[in-house]
């Protein structure tokens, strides 16, 4: 299973919901969305900056894409970016092994 980081933004619709119930637990919705597609929920954090939240879970890219499609279609979330963790060192580092085969033009 791969680890995914999903960052995104809430819509005005979602912020209206927050104002109606400021004590609701946002992580419950993130957990429910991940578990609905069979992924393992790891964590949820609200953020300051360009993104409003980050969710970490383990699963497949298709599961991550499914969560993105379903949650953005709900109208509550937008701009969800899916980042997949990869190995950059050690024997599992396939990306580095592949990149090492590249030779710049003229070299």
PDB file of N, CA and C in Angstrom:
ATOM      1  N   UNK A   1       0.831  -1.187   0.000  1.00  0.00           N
ATOM      2  CA  UNK A   1       0.000   0.000   0.000  1.00  0.00           C
ATOM      3  C   UNK A   1       0.874   1.249   0.000  1.00  0.00           C
ATOM      4  N   UNK A   2       0.466   2.213  -0.764  1.00  0.00           N
ATOM      5  CA  UNK A   2       1.184   3.478  -0.842  1.00  0.00           C
ATOM      6  C   UNK A   2       0.600   4.474   0.158  1.00  0.00           C
ATOM      7  N   UNK A   3       1.395   5.473   0.514  1.00  0.00           N
ATOM      8  CA  UNK A   3       0.928   6.546   1.397  1.00  0.00           C
ATOM      9  C   UNK A   3       0.635   7.768   0.542  1.00  0.00           C
ATOM     10  N   UNK A   4      -0.541   8.364   0.769  1.00  0.00           N
ATOM     11  CA  UNK A   4      -0.972   9.533   0.016  1.00  0.00           C
ATOM     12  C   UNK A   4      -1.247  10.700   0.942  1.00  0.00           C
ATOM     13  N   UNK A   5      -0.886  11.882   0.455  1.00  0.00           N
ATOM     14  CA  UNK A   5      -1.171  13.142   1.131  1.00  0.00           C
ATOM     15  C   UNK A   5      -2.143  13.897   0.224  1.00  0.00           C
ATOM     16  N   UNK A   6      -3.312  14.196   0.730  1.00  0.00           N
ATOM     17  CA  UNK A   6      -4.309  14.933  -0.054  1.00  0.00           C
ATOM     18  C   UNK A   6      -4.528  16.284   0.606  1.00  0.00           C
ATOM     19  N   UNK A   7      -4.199  17.333  -0.138  1.00  0.00           N
ATOM     20  CA  UNK A   7      -4.390  18.691   0.341  1.00  0.00           C
ATOM     21  C   UNK A   7      -5.466  19.328  -0.512  1.00  0.00           C
ATOM     22  N   UNK A   8      -6.288  20.171   0.097  1.00  0.00           N
ATOM     23  CA  UNK A   8      -7.336  20.811  -0.674  1.00  0.00           C
ATOM     24  C   UNK A   8      -7.929  21.994   0.051  1.00  0.00           C
ATOM     25  N   UNK A   9      -9.002  22.486  -0.528  1.00  0.00           N
ATOM     26  CA  UNK A   9      -9.671  23.662   0.013  1.00  0.00           C
ATOM     27  C   UNK A   9     -11.149  23.385   0.231  1.00  0.00           C
ATOM     28  N   UNK A  10     -11.700  24.051   1.232  1.00  0.00           N
ATOM     29  CA  UNK A  10     -13.131  24.014   1.473  1.00  0.00           C
ATOM     30  C   UNK A  10     -13.796  25.051   0.579  1.00  0.00           C
ATOM     31  N   UNK A  11     -15.037  24.805   0.201  1.00  0.00           N
ATOM     32  CA  UNK A  11     -15.813  25.765  -0.582  1.00  0.00           C
ATOM     33  C   UNK A  11     -16.597  26.662   0.371  1.00  0.00           C
ATOM     34  N   UNK A  12     -17.222  27.682  -0.180  1.00  0.00           N
ATOM     35  CA  UNK A  12     -18.079  28.557   0.631  1.00  0.00           C
ATOM     36  C   UNK A  12     -19.186  27.744   1.292  1.00  0.00           C
ATOM     37  N   UNK A  13     -19.683  26.741   0.583  1.00  0.00           N
ATOM     38  CA  UNK A  13     -20.719  25.856   1.140  1.00  0.00           C
ATOM     39  C   UNK A  13     -20.220  25.171   2.410  1.00  0.00           C
ATOM     40  N   UNK A  14     -18.993  24.680   2.378  1.00  0.00           N
ATOM     41  CA  UNK A  14     -18.428  24.010   3.555  1.00  0.00           C
ATOM     42  C   UNK A  14     -18.224  24.992   4.700  1.00  0.00           C
ATOM     43  N   UNK A  15     -17.714  26.177   4.394  1.00  0.00           N
ATOM     44  CA  UNK A  15     -17.505  27.169   5.452  1.00  0.00           C
ATOM     45  C   UNK A  15     -18.823  27.581   6.096  1.00  0.00           C
ATOM     46  N   UNK A  16     -19.895  27.618   5.335  1.00  0.00           N
ATOM     47  CA  UNK A  16     -21.217  27.914   5.909  1.00  0.00           C
ATOM     48  C   UNK A  16     -21.604  26.837   6.912  1.00  0.00           C
ATOM     49  N   UNK A  17     -21.293  25.588   6.584  1.00  0.00           N
ATOM     50  CA  UNK A  17     -21.548  24.484   7.505  1.00  0.00           C
ATOM     51  C   UNK A  17     -20.733  24.611   8.778  1.00  0.00           C
ATOM     52  N   UNK A  18     -19.488  25.050   8.653  1.00  0.00           N
ATOM     53  CA  UNK A  18     -18.636  25.240   9.831  1.00  0.00           C
ATOM     54  C   UNK A  18     -19.240  26.283  10.767  1.00  0.00           C
ATOM     55  N   UNK A  19     -19.755  27.363  10.179  1.00  0.00           N
ATOM     56  CA  UNK A  19     -20.336  28.428  11.002  1.00  0.00           C
ATOM     57  C   UNK A  19     -21.588  27.960  11.737  1.00  0.00           C
ATOM     58  N   UNK A  20     -22.345  27.059  11.108  1.00  0.00           N
ATOM     59  CA  UNK A  20     -23.544  26.518  11.761  1.00  0.00           C
ATOM     60  C   UNK A  20     -23.175  25.588  12.911  1.00  0.00           C
ATOM     61  N   UNK A  21     -22.071  24.855  12.755  1.00  0.00           N
ATOM     62  CA  UNK A  21     -21.652  23.900  13.789  1.00  0.00           C
ATOM     63  C   UNK A  21     -20.132  23.938  13.939  1.00  0.00           C
ATOM     64  N   UNK A  22     -19.605  24.953  14.631  1.00  0.00           N
ATOM     65  CA  UNK A  22     -18.147  25.093  14.750  1.00  0.00           C
ATOM     66  C   UNK A  22     -17.479  24.002  15.584  1.00  0.00           C
ATOM     67  N   UNK A  23     -18.233  23.181  16.286  1.00  0.00           N
ATOM     68  CA  UNK A  23     -17.631  22.129  17.116  1.00  0.00           C
ATOM     69  C   UNK A  23     -17.551  20.781  16.394  1.00  0.00           C
ATOM     70  N   UNK A  24     -18.038  20.709  15.147  1.00  0.00           N
ATOM     71  CA  UNK A  24     -18.012  19.414  14.456  1.00  0.00           C
ATOM     72  C   UNK A  24     -16.571  18.991  14.179  1.00  0.00           C
ATOM     73  N   UNK A  25     -16.355  17.689  14.166  1.00  0.00           N
ATOM     74  CA  UNK A  25     -15.022  17.105  13.976  1.00  0.00           C
ATOM     75  C   UNK A  25     -14.797  16.841  12.489  1.00  0.00           C
ATOM     76  N   UNK A  26     -13.969  17.655  11.856  1.00  0.00           N
ATOM     77  CA  UNK A  26     -13.718  17.543  10.410  1.00  0.00           C
ATOM     78  C   UNK A  26     -13.006  16.232  10.059  1.00  0.00           C
ATOM     79  N   UNK A  27     -12.252  15.689  10.986  1.00  0.00           N
ATOM     80  CA  UNK A  27     -11.520  14.455  10.690  1.00  0.00           C
ATOM     81  C   UNK A  27     -12.463  13.275  10.483  1.00  0.00           C
ATOM     82  N   UNK A  28     -13.640  13.307  11.076  1.00  0.00           N
ATOM     83  CA  UNK A  28     -14.600  12.208  10.902  1.00  0.00           C
ATOM     84  C   UNK A  28     -15.037  12.093   9.447  1.00  0.00           C
ATOM     85  N   UNK A  29     -15.268  13.219   8.796  1.00  0.00           N
ATOM     86  CA  UNK A  29     -15.665  13.191   7.387  1.00  0.00           C
ATOM     87  C   UNK A  29     -14.522  12.668   6.519  1.00  0.00           C
ATOM     88  N   UNK A  30     -13.289  13.073   6.831  1.00  0.00           N
ATOM     89  CA  UNK A  30     -12.126  12.604   6.077  1.00  0.00           C
ATOM     90  C   UNK A  30     -11.947  11.101   6.262  1.00  0.00           C
ATOM     91  N   UNK A  31     -12.098  10.634   7.479  1.00  0.00           N
ATOM     92  CA  UNK A  31     -11.987   9.197   7.767  1.00  0.00           C
ATOM     93  C   UNK A  31     -13.065   8.422   7.006  1.00  0.00           C
ATOM     94  N   UNK A  32     -14.301   8.913   7.047  1.00  0.00           N
ATOM     95  CA  UNK A  32     -15.409   8.235   6.377  1.00  0.00           C
ATOM     96  C   UNK A  32     -15.180   8.143   4.866  1.00  0.00           C
ATOM     97  N   UNK A  33     -14.677   9.220   4.268  1.00  0.00           N
ATOM     98  CA  UNK A  33     -14.425   9.225   2.823  1.00  0.00           C
ATOM     99  C   UNK A  33     -13.354   8.200   2.456  1.00  0.00           C
ATOM    100  N   UNK A  34     -12.273   8.162   3.208  1.00  0.00           N
ATOM    101  CA  UNK A  34     -11.208   7.198   2.930  1.00  0.00           C
ATOM    102  C   UNK A  34     -11.654   5.765   3.135  1.00  0.00           C
ATOM    103  N   UNK A  35     -12.339   5.519   4.230  1.00  0.00           N
ATOM    104  CA  UNK A  35     -12.782   4.157   4.526  1.00  0.00           C
ATOM    105  C   UNK A  35     -13.851   3.684   3.547  1.00  0.00           C
ATOM    106  N   UNK A  36     -14.639   4.614   2.993  1.00  0.00           N
ATOM    107  CA  UNK A  36     -15.673   4.245   2.030  1.00  0.00           C
ATOM    108  C   UNK A  36     -15.086   3.617   0.771  1.00  0.00           C
ATOM    109  N   UNK A  37     -13.847   3.982   0.431  1.00  0.00           N
ATOM    110  CA  UNK A  37     -13.194   3.409  -0.752  1.00  0.00           C
ATOM    111  C   UNK A  37     -12.175   2.331  -0.389  1.00  0.00           C
ATOM    112  N   UNK A  38     -12.107   1.969   0.883  1.00  0.00           N
ATOM    113  CA  UNK A  38     -11.212   0.900   1.319  1.00  0.00           C
ATOM    114  C   UNK A  38      -9.816   1.335   1.696  1.00  0.00           C
ATOM    115  N   UNK A  39      -9.585   2.639   1.830  1.00  0.00           N
ATOM    116  CA  UNK A  39      -8.265   3.131   2.213  1.00  0.00           C
ATOM    117  C   UNK A  39      -8.144   3.184   3.737  1.00  0.00           C
ATOM    118  N   UNK A  40      -6.908   3.215   4.230  1.00  0.00           N
ATOM    119  CA  UNK A  40      -6.649   3.301   5.669  1.00  0.00           C
ATOM    120  C   UNK A  40      -6.350   4.752   6.042  1.00  0.00           C
ATOM    121  N   UNK A  41      -7.229   5.368   6.817  1.00  0.00           N
ATOM    122  CA  UNK A  41      -7.067   6.741   7.277  1.00  0.00           C
ATOM    123  C   UNK A  41      -5.920   6.818   8.279  1.00  0.00           C
ATOM    124  N   UNK A  42      -5.024   7.788   8.104  1.00  0.00           N
ATOM    125  CA  UNK A  42      -3.908   7.995   9.030  1.00  0.00           C
ATOM    126  C   UNK A  42      -4.115   9.254   9.856  1.00  0.00           C
ATOM    127  N   UNK A  43      -4.343  10.398   9.191  1.00  0.00           N
ATOM    128  CA  UNK A  43      -4.493  11.643   9.941  1.00  0.00           C
ATOM    129  C   UNK A  43      -5.175  12.722   9.108  1.00  0.00           C
ATOM    130  N   UNK A  44      -5.648  13.731   9.817  1.00  0.00           N
ATOM    131  CA  UNK A  44      -6.249  14.927   9.214  1.00  0.00           C
ATOM    132  C   UNK A  44      -5.740  16.127   9.992  1.00  0.00           C
ATOM    133  N   UNK A  45      -5.344  17.179   9.297  1.00  0.00           N
ATOM    134  CA  UNK A  45      -4.961  18.432   9.944  1.00  0.00           C
ATOM    135  C   UNK A  45      -5.506  19.598   9.139  1.00  0.00           C
ATOM    136  N   UNK A  46      -6.005  20.600   9.847  1.00  0.00           N
ATOM    137  CA  UNK A  46      -6.348  21.871   9.213  1.00  0.00           C
ATOM    138  C   UNK A  46      -5.053  22.633   9.015  1.00  0.00           C
ATOM    139  N   UNK A  47      -4.995  23.447   7.961  1.00  0.00           N
ATOM    140  CA  UNK A  47      -3.768  24.149   7.622  1.00  0.00           C
ATOM    141  C   UNK A  47      -3.997  25.652   7.496  1.00  0.00           C
ATOM    142  N   UNK A  48      -2.919  26.397   7.678  1.00  0.00           N
ATOM    143  CA  UNK A  48      -2.877  27.809   7.305  1.00  0.00           C
ATOM    144  C   UNK A  48      -2.100  27.862   6.000  1.00  0.00           C
ATOM    145  N   UNK A  49      -2.488  28.738   5.097  1.00  0.00           N
ATOM    146  CA  UNK A  49      -1.752  28.860   3.851  1.00  0.00           C
ATOM    147  C   UNK A  49      -2.638  28.603   2.651  1.00  0.00           C
ATOM    148  N   UNK A  50      -2.043  28.122   1.583  1.00  0.00           N
ATOM    149  CA  UNK A  50      -2.759  27.928   0.324  1.00  0.00           C
ATOM    150  C   UNK A  50      -3.808  26.829   0.385  1.00  0.00           C
ATOM    151  N   UNK A  51      -3.611  25.872   1.278  1.00  0.00           N
ATOM    152  CA  UNK A  51      -4.560  24.769   1.428  1.00  0.00           C
ATOM    153  C   UNK A  51      -5.220  24.858   2.798  1.00  0.00           C
ATOM    154  N   UNK A  52      -6.477  24.390   2.866  1.00  0.00           N
ATOM    155  CA  UNK A  52      -7.225  24.429   4.120  1.00  0.00           C
ATOM    156  C   UNK A  52      -7.030  23.175   4.970  1.00  0.00           C
ATOM    157  N   UNK A  53      -6.651  22.063   4.328  1.00  0.00           N
ATOM    158  CA  UNK A  53      -6.515  20.809   5.075  1.00  0.00           C
ATOM    159  C   UNK A  53      -5.522  19.889   4.377  1.00  0.00           C
ATOM    160  N   UNK A  54      -5.042  18.888   5.140  1.00  0.00           N
ATOM    161  CA  UNK A  54      -4.247  17.792   4.587  1.00  0.00           C
ATOM    162  C   UNK A  54      -4.736  16.504   5.243  1.00  0.00           C
ATOM    163  N   UNK A  55      -4.932  15.497   4.433  1.00  0.00           N
ATOM    164  CA  UNK A  55      -5.345  14.177   4.908  1.00  0.00           C
ATOM    165  C   UNK A  55      -4.287  13.184   4.460  1.00  0.00           C
ATOM    166  N   UNK A  56      -3.886  12.300   5.342  1.00  0.00           N
ATOM    167  CA  UNK A  56      -2.906  11.273   5.026  1.00  0.00           C
ATOM    168  C   UNK A  56      -3.607   9.918   5.143  1.00  0.00           C
ATOM    169  N   UNK A  57      -3.438   9.084   4.113  1.00  0.00           N
ATOM    170  CA  UNK A  57      -3.989   7.732   4.188  1.00  0.00           C
ATOM    171  C   UNK A  57      -3.144   6.781   3.371  1.00  0.00           C
ATOM    172  N   UNK A  58      -3.350   5.498   3.592  1.00  0.00           N
ATOM    173  CA  UNK A  58      -2.673   4.451   2.836  1.00  0.00           C
ATOM    174  C   UNK A  58      -3.692   3.763   1.955  1.00  0.00           C
ATOM    175  N   UNK A  59      -3.279   3.462   0.744  1.00  0.00           N
ATOM    176  CA  UNK A  59      -4.174   2.801  -0.193  1.00  0.00           C
ATOM    177  C   UNK A  59      -3.568   2.791  -1.578  1.00  0.00           C
ATOM    178  N   UNK A  60      -4.436   2.821  -2.575  1.00  0.00           N
ATOM    179  CA  UNK A  60      -4.006   2.835  -3.968  1.00  0.00           C
ATOM    180  C   UNK A  60      -4.318   4.203  -4.575  1.00  0.00           C
ATOM    181  N   UNK A  61      -3.686   4.487  -5.719  1.00  0.00           N
ATOM    182  CA  UNK A  61      -3.984   5.750  -6.374  1.00  0.00           C
ATOM    183  C   UNK A  61      -5.449   5.807  -6.798  1.00  0.00           C
ATOM    184  N   UNK A  62      -6.001   4.687  -7.241  1.00  0.00           N
ATOM    185  CA  UNK A  62      -7.408   4.673  -7.637  1.00  0.00           C
ATOM    186  C   UNK A  62      -8.318   5.029  -6.460  1.00  0.00           C
ATOM    187  N   UNK A  63      -7.969   4.583  -5.259  1.00  0.00           N
ATOM    188  CA  UNK A  63      -8.750   4.958  -4.077  1.00  0.00           C
ATOM    189  C   UNK A  63      -8.634   6.455  -3.818  1.00  0.00           C
ATOM    190  N   UNK A  64      -7.429   7.003  -3.941  1.00  0.00           N
ATOM    191  CA  UNK A  64      -7.234   8.437  -3.740  1.00  0.00           C
ATOM    192  C   UNK A  64      -8.030   9.232  -4.765  1.00  0.00           C
ATOM    193  N   UNK A  65      -7.980   8.807  -6.022  1.00  0.00           N
ATOM    194  CA  UNK A  65      -8.725   9.492  -7.071  1.00  0.00           C
ATOM    195  C   UNK A  65     -10.227   9.383  -6.832  1.00  0.00           C
ATOM    196  N   UNK A  66     -10.675   8.241  -6.322  1.00  0.00           N
ATOM    197  CA  UNK A  66     -12.093   8.067  -6.010  1.00  0.00           C
ATOM    198  C   UNK A  66     -12.563   9.026  -4.935  1.00  0.00           C
ATOM    199  N   UNK A  67     -11.747   9.191  -3.904  1.00  0.00           N
ATOM    200  CA  UNK A  67     -12.094  10.149  -2.841  1.00  0.00           C
ATOM    201  C   UNK A  67     -12.147  11.561  -3.415  1.00  0.00           C
ATOM    202  N   UNK A  68     -11.172  11.913  -4.228  1.00  0.00           N
ATOM    203  CA  UNK A  68     -11.147  13.247  -4.842  1.00  0.00           C
ATOM    204  C   UNK A  68     -12.419  13.481  -5.655  1.00  0.00           C
ATOM    205  N   UNK A  69     -12.747  12.551  -6.521  1.00  0.00           N
ATOM    206  CA  UNK A  69     -13.934  12.703  -7.366  1.00  0.00           C
ATOM    207  C   UNK A  69     -15.209  12.837  -6.539  1.00  0.00           C
ATOM    208  N   UNK A  70     -15.363  11.964  -5.559  1.00  0.00           N
ATOM    209  CA  UNK A  70     -16.595  11.972  -4.757  1.00  0.00           C
ATOM    210  C   UNK A  70     -16.718  13.217  -3.894  1.00  0.00           C
ATOM    211  N   UNK A  71     -15.618  13.627  -3.264  1.00  0.00           N
ATOM    212  CA  UNK A  71     -15.709  14.765  -2.350  1.00  0.00           C
ATOM    213  C   UNK A  71     -15.810  16.092  -3.102  1.00  0.00           C
ATOM    214  N   UNK A  72     -15.121  16.215  -4.225  1.00  0.00           N
ATOM    215  CA  UNK A  72     -15.278  17.451  -4.997  1.00  0.00           C
ATOM    216  C   UNK A  72     -16.669  17.525  -5.620  1.00  0.00           C
ATOM    217  N   UNK A  73     -17.223  16.397  -6.031  1.00  0.00           N
ATOM    218  CA  UNK A  73     -18.573  16.380  -6.602  1.00  0.00           C
ATOM    219  C   UNK A  73     -19.628  16.761  -5.561  1.00  0.00           C
ATOM    220  N   UNK A  74     -19.308  16.572  -4.284  1.00  0.00           N
ATOM    221  CA  UNK A  74     -20.266  16.921  -3.230  1.00  0.00           C
ATOM    222  C   UNK A  74     -20.460  18.426  -3.109  1.00  0.00           C
ATOM    223  N   UNK A  75     -19.505  19.198  -3.616  1.00  0.00           N
ATOM    224  CA  UNK A  75     -19.581  20.646  -3.527  1.00  0.00           C
ATOM    225  C   UNK A  75     -18.943  21.226  -2.279  1.00  0.00           C
ATOM    226  N   UNK A  76     -18.466  20.384  -1.367  1.00  0.00           N
ATOM    227  CA  UNK A  76     -17.873  20.867  -0.118  1.00  0.00           C
ATOM    228  C   UNK A  76     -16.369  21.120  -0.235  1.00  0.00           C
ATOM    229  N   UNK A  77     -15.715  20.438  -1.171  1.00  0.00           N
ATOM    230  CA  UNK A  77     -14.266  20.548  -1.315  1.00  0.00           C
ATOM    231  C   UNK A  77     -13.901  20.897  -2.747  1.00  0.00           C
ATOM    232  N   UNK A  78     -12.743  21.502  -2.903  1.00  0.00           N
ATOM    233  CA  UNK A  78     -12.242  21.833  -4.227  1.00  0.00           C
ATOM    234  C   UNK A  78     -10.712  21.821  -4.196  1.00  0.00           C
ATOM    235  N   UNK A  79     -10.112  21.804  -5.379  1.00  0.00           N
ATOM    236  CA  UNK A  79      -8.667  21.940  -5.502  1.00  0.00           C
ATOM    237  C   UNK A  79      -7.895  20.862  -4.736  1.00  0.00           C
ATOM    238  N   UNK A  80      -8.404  19.637  -4.721  1.00  0.00           N
ATOM    239  CA  UNK A  80      -7.706  18.562  -4.010  1.00  0.00           C
ATOM    240  C   UNK A  80      -6.509  18.106  -4.847  1.00  0.00           C
ATOM    241  N   UNK A  81      -5.341  18.137  -4.228  1.00  0.00           N
ATOM    242  CA  UNK A  81      -4.107  17.668  -4.858  1.00  0.00           C
ATOM    243  C   UNK A  81      -3.670  16.390  -4.161  1.00  0.00           C
ATOM    244  N   UNK A  82      -3.380  15.384  -4.958  1.00  0.00           N
ATOM    245  CA  UNK A  82      -2.971  14.085  -4.430  1.00  0.00           C
ATOM    246  C   UNK A  82      -1.466  13.944  -4.614  1.00  0.00           C
ATOM    247  N   UNK A  83      -0.752  13.751  -3.520  1.00  0.00           N
ATOM    248  CA  UNK A  83       0.694  13.521  -3.563  1.00  0.00           C
ATOM    249  C   UNK A  83       0.977  12.132  -3.011  1.00  0.00           C
ATOM    250  N   UNK A  84       1.770  11.360  -3.730  1.00  0.00           N
ATOM    251  CA  UNK A  84       2.123  10.010  -3.296  1.00  0.00           C
ATOM    252  C   UNK A  84       3.546   9.997  -2.752  1.00  0.00           C
ATOM    253  N   UNK A  85       3.720   9.434  -1.572  1.00  0.00           N
ATOM    254  CA  UNK A  85       5.056   9.307  -0.986  1.00  0.00           C
ATOM    255  C   UNK A  85       5.848   8.252  -1.755  1.00  0.00           C
ATOM    256  N   UNK A  86       7.133   8.530  -1.987  1.00  0.00           N
ATOM    257  CA  UNK A  86       8.007   7.564  -2.656  1.00  0.00           C
ATOM    258  C   UNK A  86       9.302   7.421  -1.867  1.00  0.00           C
ATOM    259  N   UNK A  87      10.015   6.328  -2.109  1.00  0.00           N
ATOM    260  CA  UNK A  87      11.322   6.091  -1.499  1.00  0.00           C
ATOM    261  C   UNK A  87      12.384   6.813  -2.320  1.00  0.00           C
ATOM    262  N   UNK A  88      13.227   7.593  -1.671  1.00  0.00           N
ATOM    263  CA  UNK A  88      14.307   8.282  -2.372  1.00  0.00           C
ATOM    264  C   UNK A  88      15.686   7.700  -2.048  1.00  0.00           C
ATOM    265  N   UNK A  89      15.727   6.723  -1.147  1.00  0.00           N
ATOM    266  CA  UNK A  89      17.007   6.093  -0.832  1.00  0.00           C
ATOM    267  C   UNK A  89      16.761   4.640  -0.455  1.00  0.00           C
ATOM    268  N   UNK A  90      17.814   3.873  -0.475  1.00  0.00           N
ATOM    269  CA  UNK A  90      17.708   2.476  -0.104  1.00  0.00           C
ATOM    270  C   UNK A  90      17.303   1.592  -1.270  1.00  0.00           C
ATOM    271  N   UNK A  91      17.171   0.293  -1.003  1.00  0.00           N
ATOM    272  CA  UNK A  91      16.898  -0.671  -2.079  1.00  0.00           C
ATOM    273  C   UNK A  91      15.520  -0.493  -2.728  1.00  0.00           C
ATOM    274  N   UNK A  92      14.586   0.175  -2.075  1.00  0.00           N
ATOM    275  CA  UNK A  92      13.247   0.345  -2.632  1.00  0.00           C
ATOM    276  C   UNK A  92      13.125   1.574  -3.521  1.00  0.00           C
ATOM    277  N   UNK A  93      14.208   2.277  -3.739  1.00  0.00           N
ATOM    278  CA  UNK A  93      14.176   3.539  -4.469  1.00  0.00           C
ATOM    279  C   UNK A  93      14.193   3.333  -5.983  1.00  0.00           C
ATOM    280  N   UNK A  94      13.086   2.925  -6.539  1.00  0.00           N
ATOM    281  CA  UNK A  94      12.994   2.695  -7.977  1.00  0.00           C
ATOM    282  C   UNK A  94      13.113   3.992  -8.765  1.00  0.00           C
ATOM    283  N   UNK A  95      12.540   5.085  -8.260  1.00  0.00           N
ATOM    284  CA  UNK A  95      12.588   6.360  -8.986  1.00  0.00           C
ATOM    285  C   UNK A  95      14.033   6.816  -9.186  1.00  0.00           C
ATOM    286  N   UNK A  96      14.857   6.679  -8.157  1.00  0.00           N
ATOM    287  CA  UNK A  96      16.258   7.108  -8.266  1.00  0.00           C
ATOM    288  C   UNK A  96      17.016   6.190  -9.230  1.00  0.00           C
ATOM    289  N   UNK A  97      16.747   4.895  -9.174  1.00  0.00           N
ATOM    290  CA  UNK A  97      17.417   3.965 -10.096  1.00  0.00           C
ATOM    291  C   UNK A  97      17.070   4.301 -11.540  1.00  0.00           C
ATOM    292  N   UNK A  98      15.826   4.608 -11.794  1.00  0.00           N
ATOM    293  CA  UNK A  98      15.396   4.964 -13.146  1.00  0.00           C
ATOM    294  C   UNK A  98      16.030   6.285 -13.564  1.00  0.00           C
ATOM    295  N   UNK A  99      16.015   7.269 -12.674  1.00  0.00           N
ATOM    296  CA  UNK A  99      16.576   8.589 -12.988  1.00  0.00           C
ATOM    297  C   UNK A  99      18.077   8.512 -13.262  1.00  0.00           C
ATOM    298  N   UNK A 100      18.774   7.598 -12.591  1.00  0.00           N
ATOM    299  CA  UNK A 100      20.226   7.479 -12.771  1.00  0.00           C
ATOM    300  C   UNK A 100      20.589   7.045 -14.186  1.00  0.00           C
ATOM    301  N   UNK A 101      19.651   6.462 -14.901  1.00  0.00           N
ATOM    302  CA  UNK A 101      19.892   6.032 -16.283  1.00  0.00           C
ATOM    303  C   UNK A 101      19.900   7.211 -17.256  1.00  0.00           C
ATOM    304  N   UNK A 102      19.363   8.345 -16.848  1.00  0.00           N
ATOM    305  CA  UNK A 102      19.278   9.510 -17.732  1.00  0.00           C
ATOM    306  C   UNK A 102      20.639  10.141 -17.918  1.00  0.00           C
ATOM    307  N   UNK A 103      20.949  10.494 -19.123  1.00  0.00           N
ATOM    308  CA  UNK A 103      22.188  11.201 -19.428  1.00  0.00           C
ATOM    309  C   UNK A 103      21.805  12.497 -20.142  1.00  0.00           C
ATOM    310  N   UNK A 104      22.262  13.608 -19.619  1.00  0.00           N
ATOM    311  CA  UNK A 104      21.949  14.912 -20.194  1.00  0.00           C
ATOM    312  C   UNK A 104      22.500  15.008 -21.615  1.00  0.00           C
ATOM    313  N   UNK A 105      21.857  15.770 -22.482  1.00  0.00           N
ATOM    314  CA  UNK A 105      22.381  15.923 -23.842  1.00  0.00           C
ATOM    315  C   UNK A 105      23.839  16.405 -23.829  1.00  0.00           C
ATOM    316  N   UNK A 106      24.653  15.774 -24.648  1.00  0.00           N
ATOM    317  CA  UNK A 106      26.061  16.154 -24.745  1.00  0.00           C
ATOM    318  C   UNK A 106      26.943  15.511 -23.713  1.00  0.00           C
ATOM    319  N   UNK A 107      26.434  14.635 -22.890  1.00  0.00           N
ATOM    320  CA  UNK A 107      27.263  14.008 -21.844  1.00  0.00           C
ATOM    321  C   UNK A 107      27.450  12.551 -22.115  1.00  0.00           C
TER     322      UNK A 107
END
